[in-house]
PDB file of N, CA and C in Angstrom:
ATOM      1  N   MET A   1      85.927-132.368  26.911  1.00  0.00           N
ATOM      2  CA  MET A   1      86.030-132.310  25.470  1.00  0.00           C
ATOM      3  C   MET A   1      85.167-131.189  24.885  1.00  0.00           C
ATOM      4  N   LYS A   2      83.952-131.009  25.445  1.00  0.00           N
ATOM      5  CA  LYS A   2      83.066-129.963  24.939  1.00  0.00           C
ATOM      6  C   LYS A   2      83.665-128.564  25.082  1.00  0.00           C
ATOM      7  N   PRO A   3      84.330-128.230  26.210  1.00  0.00           N
ATOM      8  CA  PRO A   3      84.939-126.899  26.307  1.00  0.00           C
ATOM      9  C   PRO A   3      86.012-126.663  25.243  1.00  0.00           C
ATOM     10  N   VAL A   4      86.755-127.696  24.893  1.00  0.00           N
ATOM     11  CA  VAL A   4      87.797-127.559  23.874  1.00  0.00           C
ATOM     12  C   VAL A   4      87.164-127.277  22.517  1.00  0.00           C
ATOM     13  N   ILE A   5      86.113-127.993  22.180  1.00  0.00           N
ATOM     14  CA  ILE A   5      85.432-127.778  20.903  1.00  0.00           C
ATOM     15  C   ILE A   5      84.833-126.375  20.859  1.00  0.00           C
ATOM     16  N   PHE A   6      84.210-125.957  21.953  1.00  0.00           N
ATOM     17  CA  PHE A   6      83.641-124.617  22.021  1.00  0.00           C
ATOM     18  C   PHE A   6      84.723-123.552  21.834  1.00  0.00           C
ATOM     19  N   ALA A   7      85.855-123.712  22.498  1.00  0.00           N
ATOM     20  CA  ALA A   7      86.958-122.752  22.376  1.00  0.00           C
ATOM     21  C   ALA A   7      87.475-122.696  20.942  1.00  0.00           C
ATOM     22  N   LEU A   8      87.573-123.833  20.297  1.00  0.00           N
ATOM     23  CA  LEU A   8      88.020-123.858  18.901  1.00  0.00           C
ATOM     24  C   LEU A   8      87.019-123.160  17.981  1.00  0.00           C
ATOM     25  N   LEU A   9      85.742-123.358  18.207  1.00  0.00           N
ATOM     26  CA  LEU A   9      84.723-122.688  17.399  1.00  0.00           C
ATOM     27  C   LEU A   9      84.776-121.175  17.579  1.00  0.00           C
ATOM     28  N   VAL A  10      84.929-120.729  18.810  1.00  0.00           N
ATOM     29  CA  VAL A  10      85.036-119.292  19.077  1.00  0.00           C
ATOM     30  C   VAL A  10      86.269-118.719  18.387  1.00  0.00           C
ATOM     31  N   ALA A  11      87.389-119.394  18.488  1.00  0.00           N
ATOM     32  CA  ALA A  11      88.619-118.932  17.842  1.00  0.00           C
ATOM     33  C   ALA A  11      88.444-118.863  16.329  1.00  0.00           C
ATOM     34  N   LEU A  12      87.777-119.828  15.756  1.00  0.00           N
ATOM     35  CA  LEU A  12      87.546-119.852  14.317  1.00  0.00           C
ATOM     36  C   LEU A  12      86.667-118.684  13.890  1.00  0.00           C
ATOM     37  N   ILE A  13      85.626-118.409  14.636  1.00  0.00           N
ATOM     38  CA  ILE A  13      84.729-117.300  14.308  1.00  0.00           C
ATOM     39  C   ILE A  13      85.457-115.969  14.420  1.00  0.00           C
ATOM     40  N   VAL A  14      86.225-115.789  15.477  1.00  0.00           N
ATOM     41  CA  VAL A  14      86.941-114.533  15.691  1.00  0.00           C
ATOM     42  C   VAL A  14      87.977-114.300  14.602  1.00  0.00           C
ATOM     43  N   THR A  15      88.714-115.312  14.218  1.00  0.00           N
ATOM     44  CA  THR A  15      89.757-115.123  13.214  1.00  0.00           C
ATOM     45  C   THR A  15      89.185-114.944  11.820  1.00  0.00           C
ATOM     46  N   ASN A  16      87.974-115.438  11.565  1.00  0.00           N
ATOM     47  CA  ASN A  16      87.381-115.301  10.241  1.00  0.00           C
ATOM     48  C   ASN A  16      86.490-114.077  10.101  1.00  0.00           C
ATOM     49  N   SER A  17      86.208-113.378  11.196  1.00  0.00           N
ATOM     50  CA  SER A  17      85.365-112.195  11.086  1.00  0.00           C
ATOM     51  C   SER A  17      86.180-111.047  10.498  1.00  0.00           C
ATOM     52  N   VAL A  18      85.531-110.272   9.655  1.00  0.00           N
ATOM     53  CA  VAL A  18      86.188-109.160   8.987  1.00  0.00           C
ATOM     54  C   VAL A  18      85.472-107.883   9.403  1.00  0.00           C
ATOM     55  N   ALA A  19      86.234-106.870   9.751  1.00  0.00           N
ATOM     56  CA  ALA A  19      85.647-105.611  10.203  1.00  0.00           C
ATOM     57  C   ALA A  19      85.009-104.866   9.037  1.00  0.00           C
ATOM     58  N   LEU A  20      83.999-104.084   9.359  1.00  0.00           N
ATOM     59  CA  LEU A  20      83.294-103.263   8.388  1.00  0.00           C
ATOM     60  C   LEU A  20      84.223-102.168   7.872  1.00  0.00           C
ATOM     61  N   ARG A  21      84.142-101.892   6.573  1.00  0.00           N
ATOM     62  CA  ARG A  21      84.929-100.812   5.966  1.00  0.00           C
ATOM     63  C   ARG A  21      83.973 -99.775   5.392  1.00  0.00           C
ATOM     64  N   CYS A  22      84.301 -98.497   5.614  1.00  0.00           N
ATOM     65  CA  CYS A  22      83.431 -97.400   5.181  1.00  0.00           C
ATOM     66  C   CYS A  22      84.241 -96.337   4.454  1.00  0.00           C
ATOM     67  N   HIS A  23      83.550 -95.611   3.558  1.00  0.00           N
ATOM     68  CA  HIS A  23      84.162 -94.430   2.952  1.00  0.00           C
ATOM     69  C   HIS A  23      84.353 -93.396   4.053  1.00  0.00           C
ATOM     70  N   CYS A  24      85.387 -92.593   3.928  1.00  0.00           N
ATOM     71  CA  CYS A  24      85.681 -91.583   4.936  1.00  0.00           C
ATOM     72  C   CYS A  24      86.031 -90.281   4.236  1.00  0.00           C
ATOM     73  N   GLY A  25      85.387 -89.196   4.650  1.00  0.00           N
ATOM     74  CA  GLY A  25      85.691 -87.916   4.023  1.00  0.00           C
ATOM     75  C   GLY A  25      84.770 -86.810   4.496  1.00  0.00           C
ATOM     76  N   GLY A  26      84.843 -85.686   3.803  1.00  0.00           N
ATOM     77  CA  GLY A  26      84.064 -84.511   4.184  1.00  0.00           C
ATOM     78  C   GLY A  26      84.670 -83.855   5.404  1.00  0.00           C
ATOM     79  N   ARG A  27      83.830 -83.523   6.375  1.00  0.00           N
ATOM     80  CA  ARG A  27      84.311 -82.899   7.617  1.00  0.00           C
ATOM     81  C   ARG A  27      85.153 -83.842   8.455  1.00  0.00           C
ATOM     82  N   ARG A  28      85.074 -85.119   8.185  1.00  0.00           N
ATOM     83  CA  ARG A  28      85.858 -86.114   8.935  1.00  0.00           C
ATOM     84  C   ARG A  28      87.281 -86.126   8.387  1.00  0.00           C
ATOM     85  N   GLN A  29      88.257 -85.906   9.232  1.00  0.00           N
ATOM     86  CA  GLN A  29      89.660 -85.938   8.832  1.00  0.00           C
ATOM     87  C   GLN A  29      90.125 -87.388   8.762  1.00  0.00           C
ATOM     88  N   CYS A  30      90.529 -87.829   7.595  1.00  0.00           N
ATOM     89  CA  CYS A  30      90.899 -89.225   7.387  1.00  0.00           C
ATOM     90  C   CYS A  30      92.287 -89.323   6.766  1.00  0.00           C
ATOM     91  N   LEU A  31      93.000 -90.372   7.134  1.00  0.00           N
ATOM     92  CA  LEU A  31      94.293 -90.625   6.508  1.00  0.00           C
ATOM     93  C   LEU A  31      94.120 -91.188   5.106  1.00  0.00           C
ATOM     94  N   GLU A  32      93.050 -91.961   4.907  1.00  0.00           N
ATOM     95  CA  GLU A  32      92.753 -92.558   3.606  1.00  0.00           C
ATOM     96  C   GLU A  32      91.268 -92.404   3.332  1.00  0.00           C
ATOM     97  N   SER A  33      90.851 -92.674   2.104  1.00  0.00           N
ATOM     98  CA  SER A  33      89.440 -92.505   1.743  1.00  0.00           C
ATOM     99  C   SER A  33      88.557 -93.652   2.231  1.00  0.00           C
ATOM    100  N   VAL A  34      89.164 -94.732   2.724  1.00  0.00           N
ATOM    101  CA  VAL A  34      88.425 -95.862   3.290  1.00  0.00           C
ATOM    102  C   VAL A  34      89.000 -96.148   4.669  1.00  0.00           C
ATOM    103  N   GLU A  35      88.117 -96.357   5.648  1.00  0.00           N
ATOM    104  CA  GLU A  35      88.576 -96.692   6.993  1.00  0.00           C
ATOM    105  C   GLU A  35      87.935 -97.988   7.461  1.00  0.00           C
ATOM    106  N   THR A  36      88.623 -98.674   8.368  1.00  0.00           N
ATOM    107  CA  THR A  36      88.115 -99.904   8.964  1.00  0.00           C
ATOM    108  C   THR A  36      87.513 -99.561  10.316  1.00  0.00           C
ATOM    109  N   CYS A  37      86.272 -99.970  10.528  1.00  0.00           N
ATOM    110  CA  CYS A  37      85.559 -99.632  11.763  1.00  0.00           C
ATOM    111  C   CYS A  37      86.108-100.422  12.946  1.00  0.00           C
ATOM    112  N   LYS A  38      86.135 -99.753  14.102  1.00  0.00           N
ATOM    113  CA  LYS A  38      86.641-100.365  15.334  1.00  0.00           C
ATOM    114  C   LYS A  38      85.728 -99.995  16.491  1.00  0.00           C
ATOM    115  N   GLY A  39      85.717-100.840  17.489  1.00  0.00           N
ATOM    116  CA  GLY A  39      84.988-100.547  18.720  1.00  0.00           C
ATOM    117  C   GLY A  39      83.505-100.335  18.506  1.00  0.00           C
ATOM    118  N   ALA A  40      82.977 -99.250  19.065  1.00  0.00           N
ATOM    119  CA  ALA A  40      81.541 -98.957  18.995  1.00  0.00           C
ATOM    120  C   ALA A  40      81.099 -98.453  17.626  1.00  0.00           C
ATOM    121  N   ASP A  41      82.042 -98.093  16.770  1.00  0.00           N
ATOM    122  CA  ASP A  41      81.697 -97.633  15.422  1.00  0.00           C
ATOM    123  C   ASP A  41      81.295 -98.839  14.587  1.00  0.00           C
ATOM    124  N   ASP A  42      79.992 -99.135  14.554  1.00  0.00           N
ATOM    125  CA  ASP A  42      79.526-100.388  13.966  1.00  0.00           C
ATOM    126  C   ASP A  42      78.709-100.237  12.688  1.00  0.00           C
ATOM    127  N   VAL A  43      78.556 -98.999  12.179  1.00  0.00           N
ATOM    128  CA  VAL A  43      77.871 -98.780  10.906  1.00  0.00           C
ATOM    129  C   VAL A  43      78.642 -97.754  10.083  1.00  0.00           C
ATOM    130  N   CYS A  44      78.344 -97.714   8.790  1.00  0.00           N
ATOM    131  CA  CYS A  44      78.863 -96.658   7.925  1.00  0.00           C
ATOM    132  C   CYS A  44      77.826 -95.541   7.915  1.00  0.00           C
ATOM    133  N   ALA A  45      78.274 -94.312   8.031  1.00  0.00           N
ATOM    134  CA  ALA A  45      77.373 -93.160   8.035  1.00  0.00           C
ATOM    135  C   ALA A  45      77.692 -92.248   6.868  1.00  0.00           C
ATOM    136  N   SER A  46      76.660 -91.669   6.315  1.00  0.00           N
ATOM    137  CA  SER A  46      76.786 -90.621   5.312  1.00  0.00           C
ATOM    138  C   SER A  46      75.788 -89.541   5.711  1.00  0.00           C
ATOM    139  N   ILE A  47      76.289 -88.438   6.243  1.00  0.00           N
ATOM    140  CA  ILE A  47      75.437 -87.403   6.827  1.00  0.00           C
ATOM    141  C   ILE A  47      75.696 -86.068   6.132  1.00  0.00           C
ATOM    142  N   ILE A  48      74.624 -85.395   5.743  1.00  0.00           N
ATOM    143  CA  ILE A  48      74.701 -84.066   5.129  1.00  0.00           C
ATOM    144  C   ILE A  48      74.097 -83.067   6.111  1.00  0.00           C
ATOM    145  N   PHE A  49      74.854 -82.018   6.430  1.00  0.00           N
ATOM    146  CA  PHE A  49      74.369 -80.951   7.302  1.00  0.00           C
ATOM    147  C   PHE A  49      73.667 -79.907   6.434  1.00  0.00           C
ATOM    148  N   THR A  50      72.407 -79.627   6.727  1.00  0.00           N
ATOM    149  CA  THR A  50      71.623 -78.688   5.929  1.00  0.00           C
ATOM    150  C   THR A  50      71.354 -77.389   6.670  1.00  0.00           C
ATOM    151  N   GLY A  51      71.945 -77.224   7.825  1.00  0.00           N
ATOM    152  CA  GLY A  51      71.726 -76.032   8.643  1.00  0.00           C
ATOM    153  C   GLY A  51      72.487 -74.829   8.117  1.00  0.00           C
ATOM    154  N   PRO A  52      72.752 -73.859   8.988  1.00  0.00           N
ATOM    155  CA  PRO A  52      73.412 -72.619   8.589  1.00  0.00           C
ATOM    156  C   PRO A  52      74.828 -72.818   8.042  1.00  0.00           C
ATOM    157  N   VAL A  53      75.494 -73.875   8.457  1.00  0.00           N
ATOM    158  CA  VAL A  53      76.838 -74.178   7.942  1.00  0.00           C
ATOM    159  C   VAL A  53      76.762 -75.537   7.235  1.00  0.00           C
ATOM    160  N   PRO A  54      76.435 -75.545   5.938  1.00  0.00           N
ATOM    161  CA  PRO A  54      76.270 -76.824   5.245  1.00  0.00           C
ATOM    162  C   PRO A  54      77.586 -77.582   5.120  1.00  0.00           C
ATOM    163  N   GLY A  55      77.489 -78.865   5.022  1.00  0.00           N
ATOM    164  CA  GLY A  55      78.654 -79.731   4.865  1.00  0.00           C
ATOM    165  C   GLY A  55      78.216 -81.180   4.927  1.00  0.00           C
ATOM    166  N   TYR A  56      79.190 -82.071   4.933  1.00  0.00           N
ATOM    167  CA  TYR A  56      78.864 -83.491   5.018  1.00  0.00           C
ATOM    168  C   TYR A  56      80.027 -84.248   5.635  1.00  0.00           C
ATOM    169  N   PHE A  57      79.770 -85.473   6.039  1.00  0.00           N
ATOM    170  CA  PHE A  57      80.846 -86.389   6.389  1.00  0.00           C
ATOM    171  C   PHE A  57      80.420 -87.807   6.084  1.00  0.00           C
ATOM    172  N   GLN A  58      81.413 -88.639   5.849  1.00  0.00           N
ATOM    173  CA  GLN A  58      81.243 -90.078   5.673  1.00  0.00           C
ATOM    174  C   GLN A  58      82.263 -90.741   6.572  1.00  0.00           C
ATOM    175  N   SER A  59      81.833 -91.766   7.317  1.00  0.00           N
ATOM    176  CA  SER A  59      82.779 -92.457   8.183  1.00  0.00           C
ATOM    177  C   SER A  59      82.108 -93.619   8.891  1.00  0.00           C
ATOM    178  N   CYS A  60      82.916 -94.360   9.648  1.00  0.00           N
ATOM    179  CA  CYS A  60      82.393 -95.326  10.605  1.00  0.00           C
ATOM    180  C   CYS A  60      81.775 -94.518  11.744  1.00  0.00           C
ATOM    181  N   TYR A  61      80.688 -95.037  12.322  1.00  0.00           N
ATOM    182  CA  TYR A  61      79.995 -94.276  13.353  1.00  0.00           C
ATOM    183  C   TYR A  61      79.206 -95.232  14.236  1.00  0.00           C
ATOM    184  N   PRO A  62      78.977 -94.890  15.488  1.00  0.00           N
ATOM    185  CA  PRO A  62      78.115 -95.732  16.335  1.00  0.00           C
ATOM    186  C   PRO A  62      76.677 -95.709  15.797  1.00  0.00           C
ATOM    187  N   SER A  63      76.033 -96.850  15.722  1.00  0.00           N
ATOM    188  CA  SER A  63      74.701 -96.935  15.107  1.00  0.00           C
ATOM    189  C   SER A  63      73.675 -96.036  15.798  1.00  0.00           C
ATOM    190  N   PHE A  64      73.691 -95.976  17.118  1.00  0.00           N
ATOM    191  CA  PHE A  64      72.720 -95.149  17.832  1.00  0.00           C
ATOM    192  C   PHE A  64      72.874 -93.676  17.454  1.00  0.00           C
ATOM    193  N   GLU A  65      74.102 -93.172  17.459  1.00  0.00           N
ATOM    194  CA  GLU A  65      74.343 -91.771  17.115  1.00  0.00           C
ATOM    195  C   GLU A  65      74.022 -91.504  15.650  1.00  0.00           C
ATOM    196  N   CYS A  66      74.300 -92.462  14.793  1.00  0.00           N
ATOM    197  CA  CYS A  66      74.000 -92.305  13.375  1.00  0.00           C
ATOM    198  C   CYS A  66      72.495 -92.179  13.159  1.00  0.00           C
ATOM    199  N   GLN A  67      71.716 -92.992  13.849  1.00  0.00           N
ATOM    200  CA  GLN A  67      70.256 -92.904  13.734  1.00  0.00           C
ATOM    201  C   GLN A  67      69.759 -91.536  14.204  1.00  0.00           C
ATOM    202  N   LEU A  68      70.349 -91.007  15.269  1.00  0.00           N
ATOM    203  CA  LEU A  68      69.952 -89.679  15.751  1.00  0.00           C
ATOM    204  C   LEU A  68      70.263 -88.607  14.712  1.00  0.00           C
ATOM    205  N   LEU A  69      71.462 -88.661  14.139  1.00  0.00           N
ATOM    206  CA  LEU A  69      71.846 -87.665  13.140  1.00  0.00           C
ATOM    207  C   LEU A  69      71.013 -87.776  11.870  1.00  0.00           C
ATOM    208  N   SER A  70      70.700 -88.986  11.454  1.00  0.00           N
ATOM    209  CA  SER A  70      69.965 -89.150  10.199  1.00  0.00           C
ATOM    210  C   SER A  70      68.516 -88.692  10.314  1.00  0.00           C
ATOM    211  N   SER A  71      68.020 -88.510  11.530  1.00  0.00           N
ATOM    212  CA  SER A  71      66.633 -88.063  11.705  1.00  0.00           C
ATOM    213  C   SER A  71      66.536 -86.659  12.301  1.00  0.00           C
ATOM    214  N   SER A  72      67.632 -85.940  12.343  1.00  0.00           N
ATOM    215  CA  SER A  72      67.654 -84.586  12.895  1.00  0.00           C
ATOM    216  C   SER A  72      67.038 -83.592  11.906  1.00  0.00           C
ATOM    217  N   SER A  73      66.600 -82.449  12.412  1.00  0.00           N
ATOM    218  CA  SER A  73      66.007 -81.427  11.541  1.00  0.00           C
ATOM    219  C   SER A  73      67.052 -80.661  10.735  1.00  0.00           C
ATOM    220  N   ILE A  74      68.321 -80.731  11.120  1.00  0.00           N
ATOM    221  CA  ILE A  74      69.360 -80.004  10.375  1.00  0.00           C
ATOM    222  C   ILE A  74      70.314 -80.936   9.634  1.00  0.00           C
ATOM    223  N   THR A  75      69.987 -82.210   9.579  1.00  0.00           N
ATOM    224  CA  THR A  75      70.824 -83.164   8.845  1.00  0.00           C
ATOM    225  C   THR A  75      69.954 -84.101   8.021  1.00  0.00           C
ATOM    226  N   GLN A  76      70.564 -84.646   6.983  1.00  0.00           N
ATOM    227  CA  GLN A  76      69.963 -85.717   6.193  1.00  0.00           C
ATOM    228  C   GLN A  76      71.027 -86.779   6.063  1.00  0.00           C
ATOM    229  N   GLY A  77      70.639 -88.019   6.026  1.00  0.00           N
ATOM    230  CA  GLY A  77      71.651 -89.045   5.860  1.00  0.00           C
ATOM    231  C   GLY A  77      71.123 -90.429   6.084  1.00  0.00           C
ATOM    232  N   PHE A  78      72.061 -91.358   6.082  1.00  0.00           N
ATOM    233  CA  PHE A  78      71.679 -92.745   6.314  1.00  0.00           C
ATOM    234  C   PHE A  78      72.828 -93.504   6.951  1.00  0.00           C
ATOM    235  N   CYS A  79      72.471 -94.628   7.530  1.00  0.00           N
ATOM    236  CA  CYS A  79      73.412 -95.530   8.172  1.00  0.00           C
ATOM    237  C   CYS A  79      73.253 -96.890   7.494  1.00  0.00           C
ATOM    238  N   CYS A  80      74.341 -97.597   7.300  1.00  0.00           N
ATOM    239  CA  CYS A  80      74.266 -98.905   6.656  1.00  0.00           C
ATOM    240  C   CYS A  80      75.362 -99.810   7.218  1.00  0.00           C
ATOM    241  N   SER A  81      75.235-101.096   6.973  1.00  0.00           N
ATOM    242  CA  SER A  81      76.174-102.033   7.602  1.00  0.00           C
ATOM    243  C   SER A  81      76.804-103.019   6.622  1.00  0.00           C
ATOM    244  N   LYS A  82      76.992-102.603   5.392  1.00  0.00           N
ATOM    245  CA  LYS A  82      77.727-103.393   4.396  1.00  0.00           C
ATOM    246  C   LYS A  82      78.993-102.625   4.030  1.00  0.00           C
ATOM    247  N   ASP A  83      80.033-103.324   3.631  1.00  0.00           N
ATOM    248  CA  ASP A  83      81.277-102.657   3.250  1.00  0.00           C
ATOM    249  C   ASP A  83      81.039-101.579   2.192  1.00  0.00           C
ATOM    250  N   LEU A  84      81.581-100.398   2.456  1.00  0.00           N
ATOM    251  CA  LEU A  84      81.591 -99.262   1.529  1.00  0.00           C
ATOM    252  C   LEU A  84      80.201 -98.864   1.042  1.00  0.00           C
ATOM    253  N   CYS A  85      79.204 -99.024   1.888  1.00  0.00           N
ATOM    254  CA  CYS A  85      77.817 -98.719   1.511  1.00  0.00           C
ATOM    255  C   CYS A  85      77.473 -97.237   1.623  1.00  0.00           C
ATOM    256  N   ASN A  86      78.379 -96.468   2.195  1.00  0.00           N
ATOM    257  CA  ASN A  86      78.079 -95.048   2.374  1.00  0.00           C
ATOM    258  C   ASN A  86      78.750 -94.200   1.320  1.00  0.00           C
TER     259      ASN A  86
END
């Protein structure tokens, strides 16, 4: 009986979870201005390039890579994990 209850709880959690949504634009080529994050892309990123070729992008991004970009000497930005926070 316990395995059945556990399986039902897992199914309920999976079906009720909603994927993170982020603004998408700038250097990132997007079909729409909002994208739904998938796979390893677990945060919203907003990164500004301040180096020799300035620019920016907003999108879903892997949290580890986003942290690296947000602390780089040629970029400024932030990572967040709420819908449309970027």
